[in-house]
């Protein structure tokens, strides 16, 4: 059985951090929908890291591990399950949608940015109930929370290009 990879939030535990005005500010509480997307990102991240290491990701085991976090019960479970399962079931299709908008090979993306792009692409291309602005904003926020310094800018640019292609009528309607 494959060993599960720590999620981005688990990797941050015990990490030394500088305290600045931004990190010292009180955190706003997460909505159940935002929390669901964060857990979906962590699950997709684990899946991507396992795939890159040559292991087959076990979605049920990843979801079980995420579900053991006490805060998991405060997420919108159906949204988490829809995004997590949807992205894992359609990873190849979503990567084919994302790849033309990238400036580098997809395997050179950080796993966090890759996961945020997959979630954003899923909500833009598959879950049309999510307005395009929300899909982009939520993926950007995930990249800000878990990704590198400027990763969110890259995620924003790629998803903006995808939205113009996938949701042009919605964009024109305002």
C-alpha atoms as a PDB file:
ATOM      1  CA  UNK A   1       0.000   0.000   0.000  1.00  0.00           C
ATOM      2  CA  UNK A   2       1.277   3.467  -0.885  1.00  0.00           C
ATOM      3  CA  UNK A   3       2.129   5.922   1.832  1.00  0.00           C
ATOM      4  CA  UNK A   4       0.043   9.078   1.684  1.00  0.00           C
ATOM      5  CA  UNK A   5       1.855  12.334   1.024  1.00  0.00           C
ATOM      6  CA  UNK A   6       1.481  15.146   3.593  1.00  0.00           C
ATOM      7  CA  UNK A   7      -0.850  17.915   2.470  1.00  0.00           C
ATOM      8  CA  UNK A   8       0.435  21.484   2.057  1.00  0.00           C
ATOM      9  CA  UNK A   9      -1.074  22.477   5.415  1.00  0.00           C
ATOM     10  CA  UNK A  10       0.552  19.496   7.142  1.00  0.00           C
ATOM     11  CA  UNK A  11       3.914  20.449   5.668  1.00  0.00           C
ATOM     12  CA  UNK A  12       3.560  23.962   7.078  1.00  0.00           C
ATOM     13  CA  UNK A  13       3.205  22.690  10.665  1.00  0.00           C
ATOM     14  CA  UNK A  14       6.338  23.401  12.641  1.00  0.00           C
ATOM     15  CA  UNK A  15       7.826  25.481   9.863  1.00  0.00           C
ATOM     16  CA  UNK A  16       9.548  28.654  11.019  1.00  0.00           C
ATOM     17  CA  UNK A  17       7.828  31.718   9.655  1.00  0.00           C
ATOM     18  CA  UNK A  18       8.514  35.412   9.817  1.00  0.00           C
ATOM     19  CA  UNK A  19       5.740  37.413  11.412  1.00  0.00           C
ATOM     20  CA  UNK A  20       4.740  40.418   9.386  1.00  0.00           C
ATOM     21  CA  UNK A  21       1.667  42.631   9.371  1.00  0.00           C
ATOM     22  CA  UNK A  22      -0.182  40.317   6.989  1.00  0.00           C
ATOM     23  CA  UNK A  23       0.453  37.127   8.974  1.00  0.00           C
ATOM     24  CA  UNK A  24      -0.123  38.850  12.320  1.00  0.00           C
ATOM     25  CA  UNK A  25      -3.565  40.055  11.251  1.00  0.00           C
ATOM     26  CA  UNK A  26      -6.450  37.948  12.525  1.00  0.00           C
ATOM     27  CA  UNK A  27      -7.597  35.389   9.965  1.00  0.00           C
ATOM     28  CA  UNK A  28     -11.189  35.643   8.822  1.00  0.00           C
ATOM     29  CA  UNK A  29     -13.173  32.513   9.342  1.00  0.00           C
ATOM     30  CA  UNK A  30     -13.499  30.237   6.357  1.00  0.00           C
ATOM     31  CA  UNK A  31     -16.887  29.584   4.836  1.00  0.00           C
ATOM     32  CA  UNK A  32     -17.877  25.926   4.444  1.00  0.00           C
ATOM     33  CA  UNK A  33     -17.498  26.341   0.660  1.00  0.00           C
ATOM     34  CA  UNK A  34     -13.976  27.804   0.906  1.00  0.00           C
ATOM     35  CA  UNK A  35     -13.005  25.100   3.377  1.00  0.00           C
ATOM     36  CA  UNK A  36     -14.351  22.437   0.947  1.00  0.00           C
ATOM     37  CA  UNK A  37     -12.207  23.853  -1.846  1.00  0.00           C
ATOM     38  CA  UNK A  38      -9.157  23.924   0.443  1.00  0.00           C
ATOM     39  CA  UNK A  39      -9.610  20.257   1.316  1.00  0.00           C
ATOM     40  CA  UNK A  40     -10.190  19.437  -2.357  1.00  0.00           C
ATOM     41  CA  UNK A  41      -6.927  21.207  -3.198  1.00  0.00           C
ATOM     42  CA  UNK A  42      -5.109  19.217  -0.527  1.00  0.00           C
ATOM     43  CA  UNK A  43      -6.515  15.970  -1.890  1.00  0.00           C
ATOM     44  CA  UNK A  44      -5.695  16.833  -5.501  1.00  0.00           C
ATOM     45  CA  UNK A  45      -2.210  17.909  -4.368  1.00  0.00           C
ATOM     46  CA  UNK A  46      -1.660  14.520  -2.716  1.00  0.00           C
ATOM     47  CA  UNK A  47      -2.842  12.757  -5.853  1.00  0.00           C
ATOM     48  CA  UNK A  48      -0.493  14.780  -8.076  1.00  0.00           C
ATOM     49  CA  UNK A  49       2.515  14.215  -5.820  1.00  0.00           C
ATOM     50  CA  UNK A  50       1.787  10.488  -5.682  1.00  0.00           C
ATOM     51  CA  UNK A  51       1.465  10.340  -9.491  1.00  0.00           C
ATOM     52  CA  UNK A  52       4.759  12.202  -9.918  1.00  0.00           C
ATOM     53  CA  UNK A  53       6.403   9.691  -7.569  1.00  0.00           C
ATOM     54  CA  UNK A  54       5.091   6.812  -9.687  1.00  0.00           C
ATOM     55  CA  UNK A  55       2.361   5.679  -7.266  1.00  0.00           C
ATOM     56  CA  UNK A  56      -1.281   5.248  -8.096  1.00  0.00           C
ATOM     57  CA  UNK A  57      -3.326   7.650  -5.975  1.00  0.00           C
ATOM     58  CA  UNK A  58      -6.069   6.067  -3.894  1.00  0.00           C
ATOM     59  CA  UNK A  59      -8.878   8.631  -3.778  1.00  0.00           C
ATOM     60  CA  UNK A  60     -10.709   6.856  -0.954  1.00  0.00           C
ATOM     61  CA  UNK A  61      -7.577   6.750   1.231  1.00  0.00           C
ATOM     62  CA  UNK A  62      -6.826  10.412   0.540  1.00  0.00           C
ATOM     63  CA  UNK A  63     -10.407  11.438   1.356  1.00  0.00           C
ATOM     64  CA  UNK A  64     -10.305   9.326   4.529  1.00  0.00           C
ATOM     65  CA  UNK A  65      -7.070  11.011   5.636  1.00  0.00           C
ATOM     66  CA  UNK A  66      -8.519  14.473   4.983  1.00  0.00           C
ATOM     67  CA  UNK A  67     -11.696  13.503   6.832  1.00  0.00           C
ATOM     68  CA  UNK A  68      -9.669  12.769   9.965  1.00  0.00           C
ATOM     69  CA  UNK A  69      -8.911  16.479  10.368  1.00  0.00           C
ATOM     70  CA  UNK A  70     -11.359  17.830  12.999  1.00  0.00           C
ATOM     71  CA  UNK A  71     -11.994  20.940  10.878  1.00  0.00           C
ATOM     72  CA  UNK A  72     -13.115  18.781   7.931  1.00  0.00           C
ATOM     73  CA  UNK A  73     -16.600  18.468   9.403  1.00  0.00           C
ATOM     74  CA  UNK A  74     -17.016  22.224   8.902  1.00  0.00           C
ATOM     75  CA  UNK A  75     -16.600  22.016   5.141  1.00  0.00           C
ATOM     76  CA  UNK A  76     -19.459  21.664   2.666  1.00  0.00           C
ATOM     77  CA  UNK A  77     -19.041  17.949   2.105  1.00  0.00           C
ATOM     78  CA  UNK A  78     -20.967  17.685  -1.168  1.00  0.00           C
ATOM     79  CA  UNK A  79     -18.877  20.471  -2.708  1.00  0.00           C
ATOM     80  CA  UNK A  80     -15.627  18.858  -1.524  1.00  0.00           C
ATOM     81  CA  UNK A  81     -16.693  15.471  -2.899  1.00  0.00           C
ATOM     82  CA  UNK A  82     -17.860  16.941  -6.208  1.00  0.00           C
ATOM     83  CA  UNK A  83     -14.646  18.864  -6.834  1.00  0.00           C
ATOM     84  CA  UNK A  84     -12.285  16.188  -5.504  1.00  0.00           C
ATOM     85  CA  UNK A  85     -13.928  13.290  -7.349  1.00  0.00           C
ATOM     86  CA  UNK A  86     -14.568  15.377 -10.465  1.00  0.00           C
ATOM     87  CA  UNK A  87     -10.954  16.519 -10.762  1.00  0.00           C
ATOM     88  CA  UNK A  88      -9.517  13.059 -10.101  1.00  0.00           C
ATOM     89  CA  UNK A  89     -11.891  11.395 -12.581  1.00  0.00           C
ATOM     90  CA  UNK A  90     -11.148  13.980 -15.298  1.00  0.00           C
ATOM     91  CA  UNK A  91      -7.512  14.909 -14.653  1.00  0.00           C
ATOM     92  CA  UNK A  92      -6.396  13.993 -18.182  1.00  0.00           C
ATOM     93  CA  UNK A  93      -9.280  15.923 -19.766  1.00  0.00           C
ATOM     94  CA  UNK A  94      -8.653  18.962 -17.535  1.00  0.00           C
ATOM     95  CA  UNK A  95      -4.919  18.907 -18.247  1.00  0.00           C
ATOM     96  CA  UNK A  96      -5.695  18.884 -21.979  1.00  0.00           C
ATOM     97  CA  UNK A  97      -7.823  22.012 -21.442  1.00  0.00           C
ATOM     98  CA  UNK A  98      -5.150  23.751 -19.340  1.00  0.00           C
ATOM     99  CA  UNK A  99      -2.038  22.871 -21.365  1.00  0.00           C
ATOM    100  CA  UNK A 100      -2.562  25.288 -24.318  1.00  0.00           C
ATOM    101  CA  UNK A 101      -2.735  28.220 -21.863  1.00  0.00           C
ATOM    102  CA  UNK A 102       0.553  27.335 -20.127  1.00  0.00           C
ATOM    103  CA  UNK A 103       3.964  28.823 -20.845  1.00  0.00           C
ATOM    104  CA  UNK A 104       5.776  25.668 -19.694  1.00  0.00           C
ATOM    105  CA  UNK A 105       5.190  21.914 -19.624  1.00  0.00           C
ATOM    106  CA  UNK A 106       2.503  20.947 -17.133  1.00  0.00           C
ATOM    107  CA  UNK A 107       4.908  18.688 -15.229  1.00  0.00           C
ATOM    108  CA  UNK A 108       7.038  21.752 -14.415  1.00  0.00           C
ATOM    109  CA  UNK A 109       4.211  23.406 -12.458  1.00  0.00           C
ATOM    110  CA  UNK A 110       4.409  23.273  -8.692  1.00  0.00           C
ATOM    111  CA  UNK A 111       1.924  20.687  -7.382  1.00  0.00           C
ATOM    112  CA  UNK A 112      -0.019  23.427  -5.565  1.00  0.00           C
ATOM    113  CA  UNK A 113      -0.404  25.593  -8.670  1.00  0.00           C
ATOM    114  CA  UNK A 114      -1.193  22.482 -10.723  1.00  0.00           C
ATOM    115  CA  UNK A 115      -3.926  21.484  -8.242  1.00  0.00           C
ATOM    116  CA  UNK A 116      -5.372  25.022  -8.147  1.00  0.00           C
ATOM    117  CA  UNK A 117      -5.443  25.110 -11.957  1.00  0.00           C
ATOM    118  CA  UNK A 118      -7.168  21.717 -12.121  1.00  0.00           C
ATOM    119  CA  UNK A 119      -9.830  22.880  -9.657  1.00  0.00           C
ATOM    120  CA  UNK A 120     -10.307  26.177 -11.504  1.00  0.00           C
ATOM    121  CA  UNK A 121     -10.504  24.394 -14.861  1.00  0.00           C
ATOM    122  CA  UNK A 122     -12.994  21.900 -13.430  1.00  0.00           C
ATOM    123  CA  UNK A 123     -15.260  24.707 -12.243  1.00  0.00           C
ATOM    124  CA  UNK A 124     -14.891  26.626 -15.528  1.00  0.00           C
ATOM    125  CA  UNK A 125     -15.333  23.684 -17.908  1.00  0.00           C
ATOM    126  CA  UNK A 126     -17.433  21.131 -16.039  1.00  0.00           C
ATOM    127  CA  UNK A 127     -19.366  22.745 -13.164  1.00  0.00           C
ATOM    128  CA  UNK A 128     -21.121  25.513 -15.045  1.00  0.00           C
ATOM    129  CA  UNK A 129     -23.211  26.393 -11.974  1.00  0.00           C
ATOM    130  CA  UNK A 130     -20.148  28.248 -10.642  1.00  0.00           C
ATOM    131  CA  UNK A 131     -19.858  31.763 -12.133  1.00  0.00           C
ATOM    132  CA  UNK A 132     -16.569  32.199 -13.992  1.00  0.00           C
ATOM    133  CA  UNK A 133     -15.435  35.038 -11.701  1.00  0.00           C
ATOM    134  CA  UNK A 134     -16.006  32.847  -8.643  1.00  0.00           C
ATOM    135  CA  UNK A 135     -14.157  29.902 -10.203  1.00  0.00           C
ATOM    136  CA  UNK A 136     -11.138  32.083 -10.972  1.00  0.00           C
ATOM    137  CA  UNK A 137     -11.182  33.904  -7.629  1.00  0.00           C
ATOM    138  CA  UNK A 138     -11.457  30.724  -5.581  1.00  0.00           C
ATOM    139  CA  UNK A 139      -8.562  29.065  -7.423  1.00  0.00           C
ATOM    140  CA  UNK A 140      -6.456  32.217  -7.003  1.00  0.00           C
ATOM    141  CA  UNK A 141      -7.224  32.278  -3.268  1.00  0.00           C
ATOM    142  CA  UNK A 142      -6.170  28.634  -2.991  1.00  0.00           C
ATOM    143  CA  UNK A 143      -2.885  29.454  -4.715  1.00  0.00           C
ATOM    144  CA  UNK A 144      -2.372  32.440  -2.399  1.00  0.00           C
ATOM    145  CA  UNK A 145      -3.031  30.332   0.692  1.00  0.00           C
ATOM    146  CA  UNK A 146      -0.989  27.254  -0.189  1.00  0.00           C
ATOM    147  CA  UNK A 147       1.287  28.237  -3.066  1.00  0.00           C
ATOM    148  CA  UNK A 148       4.487  30.147  -3.644  1.00  0.00           C
ATOM    149  CA  UNK A 149       4.881  33.903  -3.507  1.00  0.00           C
ATOM    150  CA  UNK A 150       3.601  34.760  -6.986  1.00  0.00           C
ATOM    151  CA  UNK A 151       1.933  31.487  -7.937  1.00  0.00           C
ATOM    152  CA  UNK A 152      -1.508  33.034  -7.589  1.00  0.00           C
ATOM    153  CA  UNK A 153      -0.698  35.512 -10.368  1.00  0.00           C
ATOM    154  CA  UNK A 154       0.147  32.665 -12.715  1.00  0.00           C
ATOM    155  CA  UNK A 155      -3.040  30.788 -11.767  1.00  0.00           C
ATOM    156  CA  UNK A 156      -5.055  33.962 -12.382  1.00  0.00           C
ATOM    157  CA  UNK A 157      -3.521  34.512 -15.824  1.00  0.00           C
ATOM    158  CA  UNK A 158      -4.022  30.933 -16.984  1.00  0.00           C
ATOM    159  CA  UNK A 159      -7.609  30.717 -15.733  1.00  0.00           C
ATOM    160  CA  UNK A 160      -8.447  34.099 -17.252  1.00  0.00           C
ATOM    161  CA  UNK A 161      -7.330  32.763 -20.650  1.00  0.00           C
ATOM    162  CA  UNK A 162      -9.396  29.614 -20.135  1.00  0.00           C
ATOM    163  CA  UNK A 163     -12.465  31.623 -19.097  1.00  0.00           C
ATOM    164  CA  UNK A 164     -12.259  33.702 -22.282  1.00  0.00           C
ATOM    165  CA  UNK A 165     -12.326  30.470 -24.274  1.00  0.00           C
ATOM    166  CA  UNK A 166     -14.770  28.423 -22.161  1.00  0.00           C
ATOM    167  CA  UNK A 167     -17.142  31.102 -20.867  1.00  0.00           C
ATOM    168  CA  UNK A 168     -17.069  33.806 -23.543  1.00  0.00           C
ATOM    169  CA  UNK A 169     -20.867  34.218 -23.582  1.00  0.00           C
ATOM    170  CA  UNK A 170     -20.945  34.651 -19.793  1.00  0.00           C
ATOM    171  CA  UNK A 171     -18.108  37.202 -19.958  1.00  0.00           C
ATOM    172  CA  UNK A 172     -19.819  39.180 -22.743  1.00  0.00           C
ATOM    173  CA  UNK A 173     -23.102  39.178 -20.815  1.00  0.00           C
ATOM    174  CA  UNK A 174     -21.255  40.909 -17.992  1.00  0.00           C
END
